């Protein structure tokens, strides 16, 4: 009878060990998936920035063409008024006014696209930095999780707590700026 009890306890311990390994593997998979999703999001934002840059360039080209047209119509109006041709001047003004409105509208659109692109670039830069930090921490965690935790293993790197790392960085920042921490 005691032998059966020991066998049962052994089976429970093996099952529990398998459960722990499965949980660690699942966390690793979830972590890798989260990293892939974050990277995909960054790629989509980069594509959006590129699209906004192209849109801004297209609008600027169109703005230059409109500016050329408006300048030519302004010259036509001035020429007609100099030659005292009122009807011809009115004709040129009728063409000039809608072109000026479109020119102003294009200027507003360029400004809006440029502002949107600039904000998105800033956000992308911040998220890129955060992603790099997250990726390095995830790699560390995945590496640690894939290793068997053997405190007697002389090849295993010594454990360093995150708090210790933060304190060391604060000390170094204080030293490099001339302050004492």
Protein backbone atom coordinates (compact mmCIF):
# COMPACT_ATOMS: atom_id res chain seq x y z
CA UNK A 1 0.00 0.00 0.00
CA UNK A 2 2.72 2.58 0.78
CA UNK A 3 4.21 1.82 -2.60
CA UNK A 4 1.01 2.91 -4.34
CA UNK A 5 0.98 6.13 -2.35
CA UNK A 6 4.56 6.88 -3.39
CA UNK A 7 3.67 6.08 -7.02
CA UNK A 8 0.72 8.46 -6.84
CA UNK A 9 2.81 11.23 -5.33
CA UNK A 10 5.42 10.68 -8.04
CA UNK A 11 2.72 10.87 -10.72
CA UNK A 12 1.35 14.07 -9.18
CA UNK A 13 4.80 15.65 -9.10
CA UNK A 14 5.46 14.71 -12.75
CA UNK A 15 2.07 16.08 -13.78
CA UNK A 16 2.71 19.26 -11.83
CA UNK A 17 6.15 19.64 -13.45
CA UNK A 18 4.60 19.14 -16.90
CA UNK A 19 1.97 21.75 -16.05
CA UNK A 20 4.65 24.27 -15.05
CA UNK A 21 6.59 23.63 -18.27
CA UNK A 22 3.40 23.99 -20.33
CA UNK A 23 2.57 27.27 -18.58
CA UNK A 24 6.07 28.61 -19.25
CA UNK A 25 5.87 27.60 -22.90
CA UNK A 26 2.45 29.23 -23.20
CA UNK A 27 3.75 32.48 -21.68
CA UNK A 28 6.65 32.40 -24.13
CA UNK A 29 4.25 31.96 -27.04
CA UNK A 30 2.07 34.79 -25.79
CA UNK A 31 5.10 37.02 -25.37
CA UNK A 32 6.35 36.27 -28.88
CA UNK A 33 2.87 36.93 -30.29
CA UNK A 34 2.66 40.26 -28.46
CA UNK A 35 6.05 41.24 -29.88
CA UNK A 36 4.96 40.33 -33.41
CA UNK A 37 1.77 42.38 -33.02
CA UNK A 38 3.69 45.37 -31.69
CA UNK A 39 6.16 45.15 -34.57
CA UNK A 40 3.31 44.89 -37.07
CA UNK A 41 1.73 48.00 -35.55
CA UNK A 42 5.03 49.86 -35.95
CA UNK A 43 5.26 48.75 -39.59
CA UNK A 44 1.73 49.99 -40.23
CA UNK A 45 2.57 53.37 -38.67
CA UNK A 46 5.72 53.63 -40.80
CA UNK A 47 3.60 52.92 -43.88
CA UNK A 48 1.13 55.61 -42.77
CA UNK A 49 3.98 58.12 -42.34
CA UNK A 50 5.28 57.26 -45.82
CA UNK A 51 1.78 57.69 -47.29
CA UNK A 52 1.40 61.08 -45.56
CA UNK A 53 4.81 62.15 -46.87
CA UNK A 54 3.79 61.22 -50.41
CA UNK A 55 0.45 63.00 -50.01
CA UNK A 56 2.21 66.12 -48.74
CA UNK A 57 4.61 66.08 -51.72
CA UNK A 58 1.70 65.65 -54.14
CA UNK A 59 -0.17 68.57 -52.54
CA UNK A 60 2.95 70.76 -52.67
CA UNK A 61 3.39 70.02 -56.38
CA UNK A 62 -0.25 70.88 -57.01
CA UNK A 63 0.16 74.04 -54.91
CA UNK A 64 3.12 75.13 -57.06
CA UNK A 65 1.09 74.58 -60.26
CA UNK A 66 -1.82 76.59 -58.84
CA UNK A 67 0.56 79.33 -57.73
CA UNK A 68 1.91 79.56 -61.28
CA UNK A 69 -1.65 79.81 -62.65
CA UNK A 70 -2.63 82.47 -60.10
CA UNK A 71 0.49 84.50 -60.88
CA UNK A 72 -0.25 84.35 -64.62
CA UNK A 73 -3.89 85.41 -64.07
CA UNK A 74 -2.74 88.27 -61.80
CA UNK A 75 -0.48 89.45 -64.61
CA UNK A 76 -3.37 89.17 -67.11
CA UNK A 77 -5.60 91.31 -64.86
CA UNK A 78 -2.82 93.91 -64.47
CA UNK A 79 -2.18 93.92 -68.21
CA UNK A 80 -5.90 94.33 -69.02
CA UNK A 81 -6.24 97.18 -66.53
CA UNK A 82 -3.11 98.86 -67.90
CA UNK A 83 -4.60 98.62 -71.39
CA UNK A 84 -7.94 99.89 -70.02
CA UNK A 85 -9.74 96.73 -71.12
CA UNK A 86 -12.37 96.42 -68.35
CA UNK A 87 -14.18 93.42 -69.86
CA UNK A 88 -10.94 91.51 -70.33
CA UNK A 89 -9.90 92.35 -66.77
CA UNK A 90 -13.29 91.06 -65.46
CA UNK A 91 -12.86 87.87 -67.47
CA UNK A 92 -9.39 87.30 -65.93
CA UNK A 93 -10.67 88.10 -62.40
CA UNK A 94 -13.50 85.54 -62.81
CA UNK A 95 -10.84 82.94 -63.55
CA UNK A 96 -8.47 84.21 -60.86
CA UNK A 97 -10.80 84.15 -57.84
CA UNK A 98 -11.62 80.38 -57.89
CA UNK A 99 -7.94 79.59 -58.46
CA UNK A 100 -6.98 81.66 -55.40
CA UNK A 101 -9.58 79.82 -53.28
CA UNK A 102 -8.16 76.49 -54.42
CA UNK A 103 -4.64 77.72 -53.68
CA UNK A 104 -5.64 78.67 -50.13
CA UNK A 105 -7.42 75.35 -49.68
CA UNK A 106 -4.31 73.49 -50.85
CA UNK A 107 -2.20 75.48 -48.37
CA UNK A 108 -4.55 74.44 -45.55
CA UNK A 109 -4.47 70.80 -46.66
CA UNK A 110 -0.67 70.83 -46.81
CA UNK A 111 -0.50 72.24 -43.30
CA UNK A 112 -2.95 69.63 -41.94
CA UNK A 113 -1.13 66.72 -43.59
CA UNK A 114 2.25 68.03 -42.40
CA UNK A 115 0.98 68.39 -38.81
CA UNK A 116 -0.55 64.92 -38.85
CA UNK A 117 2.66 63.44 -40.26
CA UNK A 118 4.81 65.22 -37.68
CA UNK A 119 2.65 64.02 -34.78
CA UNK A 120 2.64 60.48 -36.13
CA UNK A 121 6.42 60.55 -36.58
CA UNK A 122 6.88 61.64 -32.96
CA UNK A 123 4.52 58.94 -31.72
CA UNK A 124 6.24 56.36 -33.92
CA UNK A 125 9.65 57.35 -32.58
CA UNK A 126 8.43 57.01 -28.97
CA UNK A 127 6.81 53.68 -29.70
CA UNK A 128 9.92 52.45 -31.53
CA UNK A 129 12.03 53.19 -28.44
CA UNK A 130 9.50 51.47 -26.19
CA UNK A 131 9.40 48.49 -28.55
CA UNK A 132 13.19 48.15 -28.49
CA UNK A 133 13.12 48.12 -24.69
CA UNK A 134 10.27 45.64 -24.64
CA UNK A 135 11.98 43.38 -27.17
CA UNK A 136 15.23 43.28 -25.21
CA UNK A 137 13.38 42.54 -21.97
CA UNK A 138 11.32 39.86 -23.69
CA UNK A 139 14.43 38.23 -25.13
CA UNK A 140 15.95 38.17 -21.67
CA UNK A 141 12.81 36.63 -20.21
CA UNK A 142 12.55 34.06 -23.00
CA UNK A 143 16.20 33.14 -22.57
CA UNK A 144 15.79 32.78 -18.82
CA UNK A 145 12.59 30.79 -19.24
CA UNK A 146 14.20 28.40 -21.72
CA UNK A 147 17.08 27.63 -19.36
CA UNK A 148 16.69 25.17 -16.57
CA UNK A 149 16.94 27.04 -13.31
CA UNK A 150 19.95 25.40 -11.71
CA UNK A 151 21.54 27.54 -9.01
CA UNK A 152 24.58 25.24 -8.99
CA UNK A 153 25.25 25.78 -12.71
CA UNK A 154 28.57 27.68 -12.92
CA UNK A 155 27.81 28.79 -16.52
CA UNK A 156 24.53 30.44 -15.54
CA UNK A 157 24.82 34.22 -15.29
CA UNK A 158 24.28 35.59 -11.80
CA UNK A 159 20.77 36.89 -11.14
CA UNK A 160 20.54 40.67 -11.15
CA UNK A 161 17.27 42.28 -10.09
CA UNK A 162 15.72 45.01 -12.23
CA UNK A 163 15.92 47.36 -9.27
CA UNK A 164 19.69 46.86 -9.06
CA UNK A 165 20.02 47.76 -12.74
CA UNK A 166 17.91 50.89 -12.28
CA UNK A 167 19.97 52.00 -9.28
CA UNK A 168 23.22 51.51 -11.18
CA UNK A 169 21.89 53.54 -14.11
CA UNK A 170 20.81 56.33 -11.74
CA UNK A 171 24.28 56.35 -10.17
CA UNK A 172 25.92 56.59 -13.57
CA UNK A 173 23.58 59.33 -14.76
CA UNK A 174 24.29 61.27 -11.57
CA UNK A 175 28.03 60.86 -12.07
CA UNK A 176 27.98 61.88 -15.73
CA UNK A 177 26.02 65.08 -14.98
CA UNK A 178 28.35 66.06 -12.16
CA UNK A 179 25.91 65.28 -9.34
CA UNK A 180 26.56 62.76 -6.63
CA UNK A 181 23.99 60.08 -6.05
